[in-house]
Amino acid sequence: MLVLALGALATGVSTGFPVWWQTTVYTSAGLTSVVMLFLLQHTTNRANHAILIKLDELVRATTGARTEFLDLEDHQVHEQEALHDRLIPADDDPEDRSG
């Protein structure tokens, strides 16, 4: 990658940085950014999925745990909030406490 950047810089210097060179550099930078974004998102999704599997296993292994919390990420947000409200009553919600 460094070799490509140095090669592009050398080409720009030797040709006087024409418009076509600038367009090529800007386009390449944009495409590289998009590809890196997708790679980072894929890696993050894979890591999150692994964590969810591990947590599901811990819930299954815990006696007295409620299995309704397994695969909670597949439920709608209002269903998640309803389960959260049943688990933590509004009186005990730390977000509502002030100072």
PDB file of N, CA and C in Angstrom:
ATOM      1  N   MET A   1       0.824  -1.184   0.000  1.00  0.00           N
ATOM      2  CA  MET A   1       0.000   0.000   0.000  1.00  0.00           C
ATOM      3  C   MET A   1       0.870   1.250   0.000  1.00  0.00           C
ATOM      4  N   LEU A   2       1.924   1.211   0.795  1.00  0.00           N
ATOM      5  CA  LEU A   2       2.838   2.346   0.850  1.00  0.00           C
ATOM      6  C   LEU A   2       3.515   2.544  -0.494  1.00  0.00           C
ATOM      7  N   VAL A   3       3.847   1.447  -1.168  1.00  0.00           N
ATOM      8  CA  VAL A   3       4.491   1.527  -2.480  1.00  0.00           C
ATOM      9  C   VAL A   3       3.553   2.195  -3.488  1.00  0.00           C
ATOM     10  N   LEU A   4       2.249   1.843  -3.423  1.00  0.00           N
ATOM     11  CA  LEU A   4       1.276   2.468  -4.318  1.00  0.00           C
ATOM     12  C   LEU A   4       1.159   3.972  -4.050  1.00  0.00           C
ATOM     13  N   ALA A   5       1.145   4.343  -2.787  1.00  0.00           N
ATOM     14  CA  ALA A   5       1.033   5.764  -2.435  1.00  0.00           C
ATOM     15  C   ALA A   5       2.266   6.532  -2.912  1.00  0.00           C
ATOM     16  N   LEU A   6       3.432   5.963  -2.701  1.00  0.00           N
ATOM     17  CA  LEU A   6       4.655   6.624  -3.158  1.00  0.00           C
ATOM     18  C   LEU A   6       4.709   6.698  -4.687  1.00  0.00           C
ATOM     19  N   GLY A   7       4.230   5.633  -5.344  1.00  0.00           N
ATOM     20  CA  GLY A   7       4.184   5.636  -6.807  1.00  0.00           C
ATOM     21  C   GLY A   7       3.230   6.706  -7.331  1.00  0.00           C
ATOM     22  N   ALA A   8       2.080   6.851  -6.689  1.00  0.00           N
ATOM     23  CA  ALA A   8       1.123   7.882  -7.091  1.00  0.00           C
ATOM     24  C   ALA A   8       1.703   9.274  -6.861  1.00  0.00           C
ATOM     25  N   LEU A   9       2.400   9.464  -5.755  1.00  0.00           N
ATOM     26  CA  LEU A   9       3.023  10.746  -5.464  1.00  0.00           C
ATOM     27  C   LEU A   9       4.103  11.071  -6.486  1.00  0.00           C
ATOM     28  N   ALA A  10       4.918  10.084  -6.809  1.00  0.00           N
ATOM     29  CA  ALA A  10       5.966  10.295  -7.803  1.00  0.00           C
ATOM     30  C   ALA A  10       5.376  10.630  -9.168  1.00  0.00           C
ATOM     31  N   THR A  11       4.297   9.961  -9.540  1.00  0.00           N
ATOM     32  CA  THR A  11       3.626  10.253 -10.809  1.00  0.00           C
ATOM     33  C   THR A  11       3.069  11.668 -10.793  1.00  0.00           C
ATOM     34  N   GLY A  12       2.468  12.066  -9.689  1.00  0.00           N
ATOM     35  CA  GLY A  12       1.928  13.419  -9.579  1.00  0.00           C
ATOM     36  C   GLY A  12       2.999  14.482  -9.671  1.00  0.00           C
ATOM     37  N   VAL A  13       4.121  14.258  -9.008  1.00  0.00           N
ATOM     38  CA  VAL A  13       5.221  15.225  -9.033  1.00  0.00           C
ATOM     39  C   VAL A  13       5.789  15.333 -10.446  1.00  0.00           C
ATOM     40  N   SER A  14       5.982  14.195 -11.101  1.00  0.00           N
ATOM     41  CA  SER A  14       6.597  14.208 -12.434  1.00  0.00           C
ATOM     42  C   SER A  14       5.681  14.785 -13.512  1.00  0.00           C
ATOM     43  N   THR A  15       4.361  14.748 -13.298  1.00  0.00           N
ATOM     44  CA  THR A  15       3.437  15.269 -14.309  1.00  0.00           C
ATOM     45  C   THR A  15       2.860  16.627 -13.925  1.00  0.00           C
ATOM     46  N   GLY A  16       3.240  17.171 -12.788  1.00  0.00           N
ATOM     47  CA  GLY A  16       2.770  18.488 -12.388  1.00  0.00           C
ATOM     48  C   GLY A  16       1.384  18.475 -11.755  1.00  0.00           C
ATOM     49  N   PHE A  17       0.976  17.357 -11.206  1.00  0.00           N
ATOM     50  CA  PHE A  17      -0.319  17.198 -10.531  1.00  0.00           C
ATOM     51  C   PHE A  17      -1.487  17.667 -11.407  1.00  0.00           C
ATOM     52  N   PRO A  18      -1.678  17.042 -12.558  1.00  0.00           N
ATOM     53  CA  PRO A  18      -2.797  17.443 -13.429  1.00  0.00           C
ATOM     54  C   PRO A  18      -4.144  17.028 -12.836  1.00  0.00           C
ATOM     55  N   VAL A  19      -5.220  17.494 -13.457  1.00  0.00           N
ATOM     56  CA  VAL A  19      -6.569  17.225 -12.966  1.00  0.00           C
ATOM     57  C   VAL A  19      -6.862  15.729 -12.961  1.00  0.00           C
ATOM     58  N   TRP A  20      -6.452  14.997 -13.984  1.00  0.00           N
ATOM     59  CA  TRP A  20      -6.718  13.561 -14.028  1.00  0.00           C
ATOM     60  C   TRP A  20      -6.038  12.839 -12.862  1.00  0.00           C
ATOM     61  N   TRP A  21      -4.861  13.308 -12.465  1.00  0.00           N
ATOM     62  CA  TRP A  21      -4.150  12.682 -11.346  1.00  0.00           C
ATOM     63  C   TRP A  21      -4.919  12.920 -10.049  1.00  0.00           C
ATOM     64  N   GLN A  22      -5.376  14.149  -9.854  1.00  0.00           N
ATOM     65  CA  GLN A  22      -6.125  14.471  -8.644  1.00  0.00           C
ATOM     66  C   GLN A  22      -7.423  13.665  -8.568  1.00  0.00           C
ATOM     67  N   THR A  23      -8.103  13.550  -9.705  1.00  0.00           N
ATOM     68  CA  THR A  23      -9.348  12.776  -9.745  1.00  0.00           C
ATOM     69  C   THR A  23      -9.083  11.317  -9.400  1.00  0.00           C
ATOM     70  N   THR A  24      -8.004  10.775  -9.951  1.00  0.00           N
ATOM     71  CA  THR A  24      -7.650   9.379  -9.672  1.00  0.00           C
ATOM     72  C   THR A  24      -7.339   9.173  -8.193  1.00  0.00           C
ATOM     73  N   VAL A  25      -6.593  10.084  -7.604  1.00  0.00           N
ATOM     74  CA  VAL A  25      -6.228   9.961  -6.188  1.00  0.00           C
ATOM     75  C   VAL A  25      -7.469  10.075  -5.308  1.00  0.00           C
ATOM     76  N   TYR A  26      -8.325  11.046  -5.573  1.00  0.00           N
ATOM     77  CA  TYR A  26      -9.528  11.232  -4.764  1.00  0.00           C
ATOM     78  C   TYR A  26     -10.474  10.035  -4.891  1.00  0.00           C
ATOM     79  N   THR A  27     -10.627   9.535  -6.098  1.00  0.00           N
ATOM     80  CA  THR A  27     -11.495   8.371  -6.314  1.00  0.00           C
ATOM     81  C   THR A  27     -10.936   7.139  -5.608  1.00  0.00           C
ATOM     82  N   SER A  28      -9.640   6.937  -5.718  1.00  0.00           N
ATOM     83  CA  SER A  28      -9.006   5.788  -5.054  1.00  0.00           C
ATOM     84  C   SER A  28      -9.150   5.881  -3.537  1.00  0.00           C
ATOM     85  N   ALA A  29      -8.982   7.075  -3.003  1.00  0.00           N
ATOM     86  CA  ALA A  29      -9.118   7.258  -1.557  1.00  0.00           C
ATOM     87  C   ALA A  29     -10.554   6.973  -1.116  1.00  0.00           C
ATOM     88  N   GLY A  30     -11.522   7.437  -1.883  1.00  0.00           N
ATOM     89  CA  GLY A  30     -12.926   7.184  -1.548  1.00  0.00           C
ATOM     90  C   GLY A  30     -13.266   5.707  -1.593  1.00  0.00           C
ATOM     91  N   LEU A  31     -12.815   5.023  -2.636  1.00  0.00           N
ATOM     92  CA  LEU A  31     -13.088   3.587  -2.745  1.00  0.00           C
ATOM     93  C   LEU A  31     -12.406   2.796  -1.631  1.00  0.00           C
ATOM     94  N   THR A  32     -11.201   3.192  -1.293  1.00  0.00           N
ATOM     95  CA  THR A  32     -10.491   2.523  -0.200  1.00  0.00           C
ATOM     96  C   THR A  32     -11.241   2.716   1.115  1.00  0.00           C
ATOM     97  N   SER A  33     -11.752   3.910   1.340  1.00  0.00           N
ATOM     98  CA  SER A  33     -12.510   4.177   2.571  1.00  0.00           C
ATOM     99  C   SER A  33     -13.764   3.318   2.652  1.00  0.00           C
ATOM    100  N   VAL A  34     -14.473   3.173   1.534  1.00  0.00           N
ATOM    101  CA  VAL A  34     -15.696   2.370   1.523  1.00  0.00           C
ATOM    102  C   VAL A  34     -15.379   0.903   1.790  1.00  0.00           C
ATOM    103  N   VAL A  35     -14.325   0.387   1.166  1.00  0.00           N
ATOM    104  CA  VAL A  35     -13.936  -1.006   1.386  1.00  0.00           C
ATOM    105  C   VAL A  35     -13.547  -1.224   2.844  1.00  0.00           C
ATOM    106  N   MET A  36     -12.807  -0.303   3.432  1.00  0.00           N
ATOM    107  CA  MET A  36     -12.417  -0.432   4.841  1.00  0.00           C
ATOM    108  C   MET A  36     -13.637  -0.372   5.753  1.00  0.00           C
ATOM    109  N   LEU A  37     -14.608   0.459   5.408  1.00  0.00           N
ATOM    110  CA  LEU A  37     -15.838   0.531   6.188  1.00  0.00           C
ATOM    111  C   LEU A  37     -16.550  -0.818   6.212  1.00  0.00           C
ATOM    112  N   PHE A  38     -16.675  -1.456   5.056  1.00  0.00           N
ATOM    113  CA  PHE A  38     -17.330  -2.760   4.995  1.00  0.00           C
ATOM    114  C   PHE A  38     -16.540  -3.828   5.754  1.00  0.00           C
ATOM    115  N   LEU A  39     -15.221  -3.794   5.666  1.00  0.00           N
ATOM    116  CA  LEU A  39     -14.401  -4.757   6.399  1.00  0.00           C
ATOM    117  C   LEU A  39     -14.552  -4.579   7.909  1.00  0.00           C
ATOM    118  N   LEU A  40     -14.537  -3.342   8.367  1.00  0.00           N
ATOM    119  CA  LEU A  40     -14.706  -3.084   9.797  1.00  0.00           C
ATOM    120  C   LEU A  40     -16.091  -3.503  10.278  1.00  0.00           C
ATOM    121  N   GLN A  41     -17.109  -3.222   9.483  1.00  0.00           N
ATOM    122  CA  GLN A  41     -18.471  -3.602   9.866  1.00  0.00           C
ATOM    123  C   GLN A  41     -18.611  -5.116   9.937  1.00  0.00           C
ATOM    124  N   HIS A  42     -18.010  -5.813   8.973  1.00  0.00           N
ATOM    125  CA  HIS A  42     -18.073  -7.277   8.966  1.00  0.00           C
ATOM    126  C   HIS A  42     -17.391  -7.846  10.209  1.00  0.00           C
ATOM    127  N   THR A  43     -16.228  -7.320  10.537  1.00  0.00           N
ATOM    128  CA  THR A  43     -15.497  -7.801  11.712  1.00  0.00           C
ATOM    129  C   THR A  43     -16.276  -7.527  12.988  1.00  0.00           C
ATOM    130  N   THR A  44     -16.873  -6.348  13.091  1.00  0.00           N
ATOM    131  CA  THR A  44     -17.667  -6.004  14.267  1.00  0.00           C
ATOM    132  C   THR A  44     -18.877  -6.922  14.392  1.00  0.00           C
ATOM    133  N   ASN A  45     -19.560  -7.170  13.292  1.00  0.00           N
ATOM    134  CA  ASN A  45     -20.724  -8.063  13.321  1.00  0.00           C
ATOM    135  C   ASN A  45     -20.328  -9.473  13.737  1.00  0.00           C
ATOM    136  N   ARG A  46     -19.198  -9.948  13.247  1.00  0.00           N
ATOM    137  CA  ARG A  46     -18.740 -11.293  13.596  1.00  0.00           C
ATOM    138  C   ARG A  46     -18.421 -11.381  15.087  1.00  0.00           C
ATOM    139  N   ALA A  47     -17.755 -10.360  15.617  1.00  0.00           N
ATOM    140  CA  ALA A  47     -17.424 -10.344  17.047  1.00  0.00           C
ATOM    141  C   ALA A  47     -18.691 -10.272  17.899  1.00  0.00           C
ATOM    142  N   ASN A  48     -19.636  -9.435  17.502  1.00  0.00           N
ATOM    143  CA  ASN A  48     -20.896  -9.329  18.257  1.00  0.00           C
ATOM    144  C   ASN A  48     -21.659 -10.643  18.238  1.00  0.00           C
ATOM    145  N   HIS A  49     -21.673 -11.303  17.105  1.00  0.00           N
ATOM    146  CA  HIS A  49     -22.370 -12.582  17.001  1.00  0.00           C
ATOM    147  C   HIS A  49     -21.735 -13.623  17.934  1.00  0.00           C
ATOM    148  N   ALA A  50     -20.412 -13.643  17.989  1.00  0.00           N
ATOM    149  CA  ALA A  50     -19.718 -14.580  18.880  1.00  0.00           C
ATOM    150  C   ALA A  50     -20.051 -14.291  20.345  1.00  0.00           C
ATOM    151  N   ILE A  51     -20.113 -13.029  20.707  1.00  0.00           N
ATOM    152  CA  ILE A  51     -20.457 -12.664  22.087  1.00  0.00           C
ATOM    153  C   ILE A  51     -21.877 -13.100  22.415  1.00  0.00           C
ATOM    154  N   LEU A  52     -22.791 -12.903  21.484  1.00  0.00           N
ATOM    155  CA  LEU A  52     -24.179 -13.316  21.719  1.00  0.00           C
ATOM    156  C   LEU A  52     -24.289 -14.826  21.906  1.00  0.00           C
ATOM    157  N   ILE A  53     -23.543 -15.591  21.140  1.00  0.00           N
ATOM    158  CA  ILE A  53     -23.561 -17.050  21.288  1.00  0.00           C
ATOM    159  C   ILE A  53     -23.032 -17.442  22.672  1.00  0.00           C
ATOM    160  N   LYS A  54     -21.964 -16.797  23.097  1.00  0.00           N
ATOM    161  CA  LYS A  54     -21.396 -17.102  24.416  1.00  0.00           C
ATOM    162  C   LYS A  54     -22.382 -16.745  25.535  1.00  0.00           C
ATOM    163  N   LEU A  55     -23.028 -15.605  25.399  1.00  0.00           N
ATOM    164  CA  LEU A  55     -24.010 -15.216  26.418  1.00  0.00           C
ATOM    165  C   LEU A  55     -25.198 -16.174  26.442  1.00  0.00           C
ATOM    166  N   ASP A  56     -25.652 -16.622  25.265  1.00  0.00           N
ATOM    167  CA  ASP A  56     -26.739 -17.599  25.217  1.00  0.00           C
ATOM    168  C   ASP A  56     -26.337 -18.879  25.940  1.00  0.00           C
ATOM    169  N   GLU A  57     -25.108 -19.298  25.762  1.00  0.00           N
ATOM    170  CA  GLU A  57     -24.633 -20.514  26.440  1.00  0.00           C
ATOM    171  C   GLU A  57     -24.608 -20.304  27.949  1.00  0.00           C
ATOM    172  N   LEU A  58     -24.201 -19.137  28.400  1.00  0.00           N
ATOM    173  CA  LEU A  58     -24.190 -18.858  29.838  1.00  0.00           C
ATOM    174  C   LEU A  58     -25.603 -18.850  30.415  1.00  0.00           C
ATOM    175  N   VAL A  59     -26.546 -18.299  29.673  1.00  0.00           N
ATOM    176  CA  VAL A  59     -27.931 -18.292  30.142  1.00  0.00           C
ATOM    177  C   VAL A  59     -28.455 -19.720  30.234  1.00  0.00           C
ATOM    178  N   ARG A  60     -28.160 -20.526  29.229  1.00  0.00           N
ATOM    179  CA  ARG A  60     -28.625 -21.927  29.247  1.00  0.00           C
ATOM    180  C   ARG A  60     -28.008 -22.708  30.408  1.00  0.00           C
ATOM    181  N   ALA A  61     -26.764 -22.380  30.751  1.00  0.00           N
ATOM    182  CA  ALA A  61     -26.062 -23.117  31.802  1.00  0.00           C
ATOM    183  C   ALA A  61     -26.455 -22.655  33.206  1.00  0.00           C
ATOM    184  N   THR A  62     -27.069 -21.496  33.320  1.00  0.00           N
ATOM    185  CA  THR A  62     -27.436 -20.955  34.620  1.00  0.00           C
ATOM    186  C   THR A  62     -28.799 -21.488  35.040  1.00  0.00           C
ATOM    187  N   THR A  63     -28.833 -22.085  36.224  1.00  0.00           N
ATOM    188  CA  THR A  63     -30.119 -22.585  36.711  1.00  0.00           C
ATOM    189  C   THR A  63     -30.980 -21.407  37.142  1.00  0.00           C
ATOM    190  N   GLY A  64     -32.225 -21.479  36.825  1.00  0.00           N
ATOM    191  CA  GLY A  64     -33.154 -20.421  37.179  1.00  0.00           C
ATOM    192  C   GLY A  64     -33.153 -19.255  36.200  1.00  0.00           C
ATOM    193  N   ALA A  65     -32.331 -19.315  35.169  1.00  0.00           N
ATOM    194  CA  ALA A  65     -32.314 -18.232  34.182  1.00  0.00           C
ATOM    195  C   ALA A  65     -33.523 -18.356  33.270  1.00  0.00           C
ATOM    196  N   ARG A  66     -34.004 -17.243  32.805  1.00  0.00           N
ATOM    197  CA  ARG A  66     -35.168 -17.228  31.931  1.00  0.00           C
ATOM    198  C   ARG A  66     -34.726 -17.356  30.476  1.00  0.00           C
ATOM    199  N   THR A  67     -35.223 -18.382  29.829  1.00  0.00           N
ATOM    200  CA  THR A  67     -34.835 -18.624  28.442  1.00  0.00           C
ATOM    201  C   THR A  67     -35.477 -17.635  27.476  1.00  0.00           C
ATOM    202  N   GLU A  68     -36.433 -16.840  27.950  1.00  0.00           N
ATOM    203  CA  GLU A  68     -37.057 -15.852  27.075  1.00  0.00           C
ATOM    204  C   GLU A  68     -36.060 -14.761  26.664  1.00  0.00           C
ATOM    205  N   PHE A  69     -34.936 -14.677  27.373  1.00  0.00           N
ATOM    206  CA  PHE A  69     -33.927 -13.681  27.038  1.00  0.00           C
ATOM    207  C   PHE A  69     -32.946 -14.172  25.979  1.00  0.00           C
ATOM    208  N   LEU A  70     -33.022 -15.454  25.639  1.00  0.00           N
ATOM    209  CA  LEU A  70     -32.181 -15.968  24.568  1.00  0.00           C
ATOM    210  C   LEU A  70     -32.650 -15.390  23.241  1.00  0.00           C
ATOM    211  N   ASP A  71     -31.750 -15.083  22.377  1.00  0.00           N
ATOM    212  CA  ASP A  71     -32.046 -14.531  21.049  1.00  0.00           C
ATOM    213  C   ASP A  71     -32.887 -13.264  21.136  1.00  0.00           C
ATOM    214  N   LEU A  72     -32.692 -12.500  22.161  1.00  0.00           N
ATOM    215  CA  LEU A  72     -33.437 -11.261  22.351  1.00  0.00           C
ATOM    216  C   LEU A  72     -33.141 -10.250  21.248  1.00  0.00           C
ATOM    217  N   GLU A  73     -31.947 -10.349  20.669  1.00  0.00           N
ATOM    218  CA  GLU A  73     -31.574  -9.411  19.609  1.00  0.00           C
ATOM    219  C   GLU A  73     -32.439  -9.567  18.357  1.00  0.00           C
ATOM    220  N   ASP A  74     -33.132 -10.709  18.238  1.00  0.00           N
ATOM    221  CA  ASP A  74     -34.003 -10.937  17.088  1.00  0.00           C
ATOM    222  C   ASP A  74     -35.406 -10.368  17.288  1.00  0.00           C
ATOM    223  N   HIS A  75     -35.710  -9.905  18.500  1.00  0.00           N
ATOM    224  CA  HIS A  75     -37.037  -9.368  18.800  1.00  0.00           C
ATOM    225  C   HIS A  75     -37.109  -7.892  18.415  1.00  0.00           C
ATOM    226  N   GLN A  76     -38.342  -7.412  18.302  1.00  0.00           N
ATOM    227  CA  GLN A  76     -38.565  -5.991  18.038  1.00  0.00           C
ATOM    228  C   GLN A  76     -38.163  -5.178  19.277  1.00  0.00           C
ATOM    229  N   VAL A  77     -37.869  -3.906  19.058  1.00  0.00           N
ATOM    230  CA  VAL A  77     -37.414  -3.047  20.156  1.00  0.00           C
ATOM    231  C   VAL A  77     -38.468  -2.957  21.264  1.00  0.00           C
ATOM    232  N   HIS A  78     -39.734  -2.848  20.904  1.00  0.00           N
ATOM    233  CA  HIS A  78     -40.765  -2.738  21.946  1.00  0.00           C
ATOM    234  C   HIS A  78     -40.854  -4.018  22.767  1.00  0.00           C
ATOM    235  N   GLU A  79     -40.581  -5.173  22.155  1.00  0.00           N
ATOM    236  CA  GLU A  79     -40.557  -6.429  22.923  1.00  0.00           C
ATOM    237  C   GLU A  79     -39.362  -6.457  23.867  1.00  0.00           C
ATOM    238  N   GLN A  80     -38.224  -5.952  23.416  1.00  0.00           N
ATOM    239  CA  GLN A  80     -37.041  -5.877  24.268  1.00  0.00           C
ATOM    240  C   GLN A  80     -37.299  -4.954  25.458  1.00  0.00           C
ATOM    241  N   GLU A  81     -37.927  -3.820  25.183  1.00  0.00           N
ATOM    242  CA  GLU A  81     -38.218  -2.874  26.266  1.00  0.00           C
ATOM    243  C   GLU A  81     -39.209  -3.459  27.262  1.00  0.00           C
ATOM    244  N   ALA A  82     -40.182  -4.218  26.778  1.00  0.00           N
ATOM    245  CA  ALA A  82     -41.153  -4.842  27.684  1.00  0.00           C
ATOM    246  C   ALA A  82     -40.457  -5.850  28.597  1.00  0.00           C
ATOM    247  N   LEU A  83     -39.562  -6.654  28.049  1.00  0.00           N
ATOM    248  CA  LEU A  83     -38.809  -7.602  28.882  1.00  0.00           C
ATOM    249  C   LEU A  83     -37.915  -6.865  29.872  1.00  0.00           C
ATOM    250  N   HIS A  84     -37.312  -5.778  29.436  1.00  0.00           N
ATOM    251  CA  HIS A  84     -36.467  -4.991  30.330  1.00  0.00           C
ATOM    252  C   HIS A  84     -37.288  -4.411  31.469  1.00  0.00           C
ATOM    253  N   ASP A  85     -38.482  -3.917  31.146  1.00  0.00           N
ATOM    254  CA  ASP A  85     -39.349  -3.353  32.185  1.00  0.00           C
ATOM    255  C   ASP A  85     -39.803  -4.406  33.183  1.00  0.00           C
ATOM    256  N   ARG A  86     -40.028  -5.640  32.706  1.00  0.00           N
ATOM    257  CA  ARG A  86     -40.395  -6.719  33.628  1.00  0.00           C
ATOM    258  C   ARG A  86     -39.212  -7.108  34.499  1.00  0.00           C
ATOM    259  N   LEU A  87     -38.012  -7.055  33.931  1.00  0.00           N
ATOM    260  CA  LEU A  87     -36.815  -7.444  34.678  1.00  0.00           C
ATOM    261  C   LEU A  87     -36.441  -6.386  35.708  1.00  0.00           C
ATOM    262  N   ILE A  88     -36.478  -5.127  35.311  1.00  0.00           N
ATOM    263  CA  ILE A  88     -36.100  -4.023  36.185  1.00  0.00           C
ATOM    264  C   ILE A  88     -37.292  -3.088  36.293  1.00  0.00           C
ATOM    265  N   PRO A  89     -38.007  -3.106  37.388  1.00  0.00           N
ATOM    266  CA  PRO A  89     -39.164  -2.205  37.559  1.00  0.00           C
ATOM    267  C   PRO A  89     -38.720  -0.746  37.489  1.00  0.00           C
ATOM    268  N   ALA A  90     -39.645   0.131  37.143  1.00  0.00           N
ATOM    269  CA  ALA A  90     -39.338   1.559  36.964  1.00  0.00           C
ATOM    270  C   ALA A  90     -38.779   2.185  38.236  1.00  0.00           C
ATOM    271  N   ASP A  91     -39.184   1.696  39.418  1.00  0.00           N
ATOM    272  CA  ASP A  91     -38.686   2.252  40.674  1.00  0.00           C
ATOM    273  C   ASP A  91     -37.202   1.988  40.868  1.00  0.00           C
ATOM    274  N   ASP A  92     -36.677   0.896  40.284  1.00  0.00           N
ATOM    275  CA  ASP A  92     -35.281   0.545  40.456  1.00  0.00           C
ATOM    276  C   ASP A  92     -34.403   0.975  39.299  1.00  0.00           C
ATOM    277  N   ASP A  93     -34.935   1.706  38.314  1.00  0.00           N
ATOM    278  CA  ASP A  93     -34.193   2.090  37.127  1.00  0.00           C
ATOM    279  C   ASP A  93     -33.136   3.148  37.495  1.00  0.00           C
ATOM    280  N   PRO A  94     -31.827   2.837  37.352  1.00  0.00           N
ATOM    281  CA  PRO A  94     -30.781   3.789  37.737  1.00  0.00           C
ATOM    282  C   PRO A  94     -30.739   5.025  36.847  1.00  0.00           C
ATOM    283  N   GLU A  95     -31.318   4.958  35.654  1.00  0.00           N
ATOM    284  CA  GLU A  95     -31.314   6.119  34.771  1.00  0.00           C
ATOM    285  C   GLU A  95     -32.246   7.211  35.292  1.00  0.00           C
ATOM    286  N   ASP A  96     -33.261   6.823  36.075  1.00  0.00           N
ATOM    287  CA  ASP A  96     -34.217   7.789  36.584  1.00  0.00           C
ATOM    288  C   ASP A  96     -33.730   8.489  37.853  1.00  0.00           C
ATOM    289  N   ARG A  97     -32.677   7.962  38.446  1.00  0.00           N
ATOM    290  CA  ARG A  97     -32.183   8.538  39.695  1.00  0.00           C
ATOM    291  C   ARG A  97     -31.392   9.811  39.388  1.00  0.00           C
ATOM    292  N   SER A  98     -31.590  10.813  40.193  1.00  0.00           N
ATOM    293  CA  SER A  98     -30.821  12.049  40.023  1.00  0.00           C
ATOM    294  C   SER A  98     -29.983  12.280  41.275  1.00  0.00           C
ATOM    295  N   GLY A  99     -28.732  12.706  41.010  1.00  0.00           N
ATOM    296  CA  GLY A  99     -27.772  13.086  41.931  1.00  0.00           C
ATOM    297  C   GLY A  99     -27.504  12.591  43.189  1.00  0.00           C
TER     298      GLY A  99
END
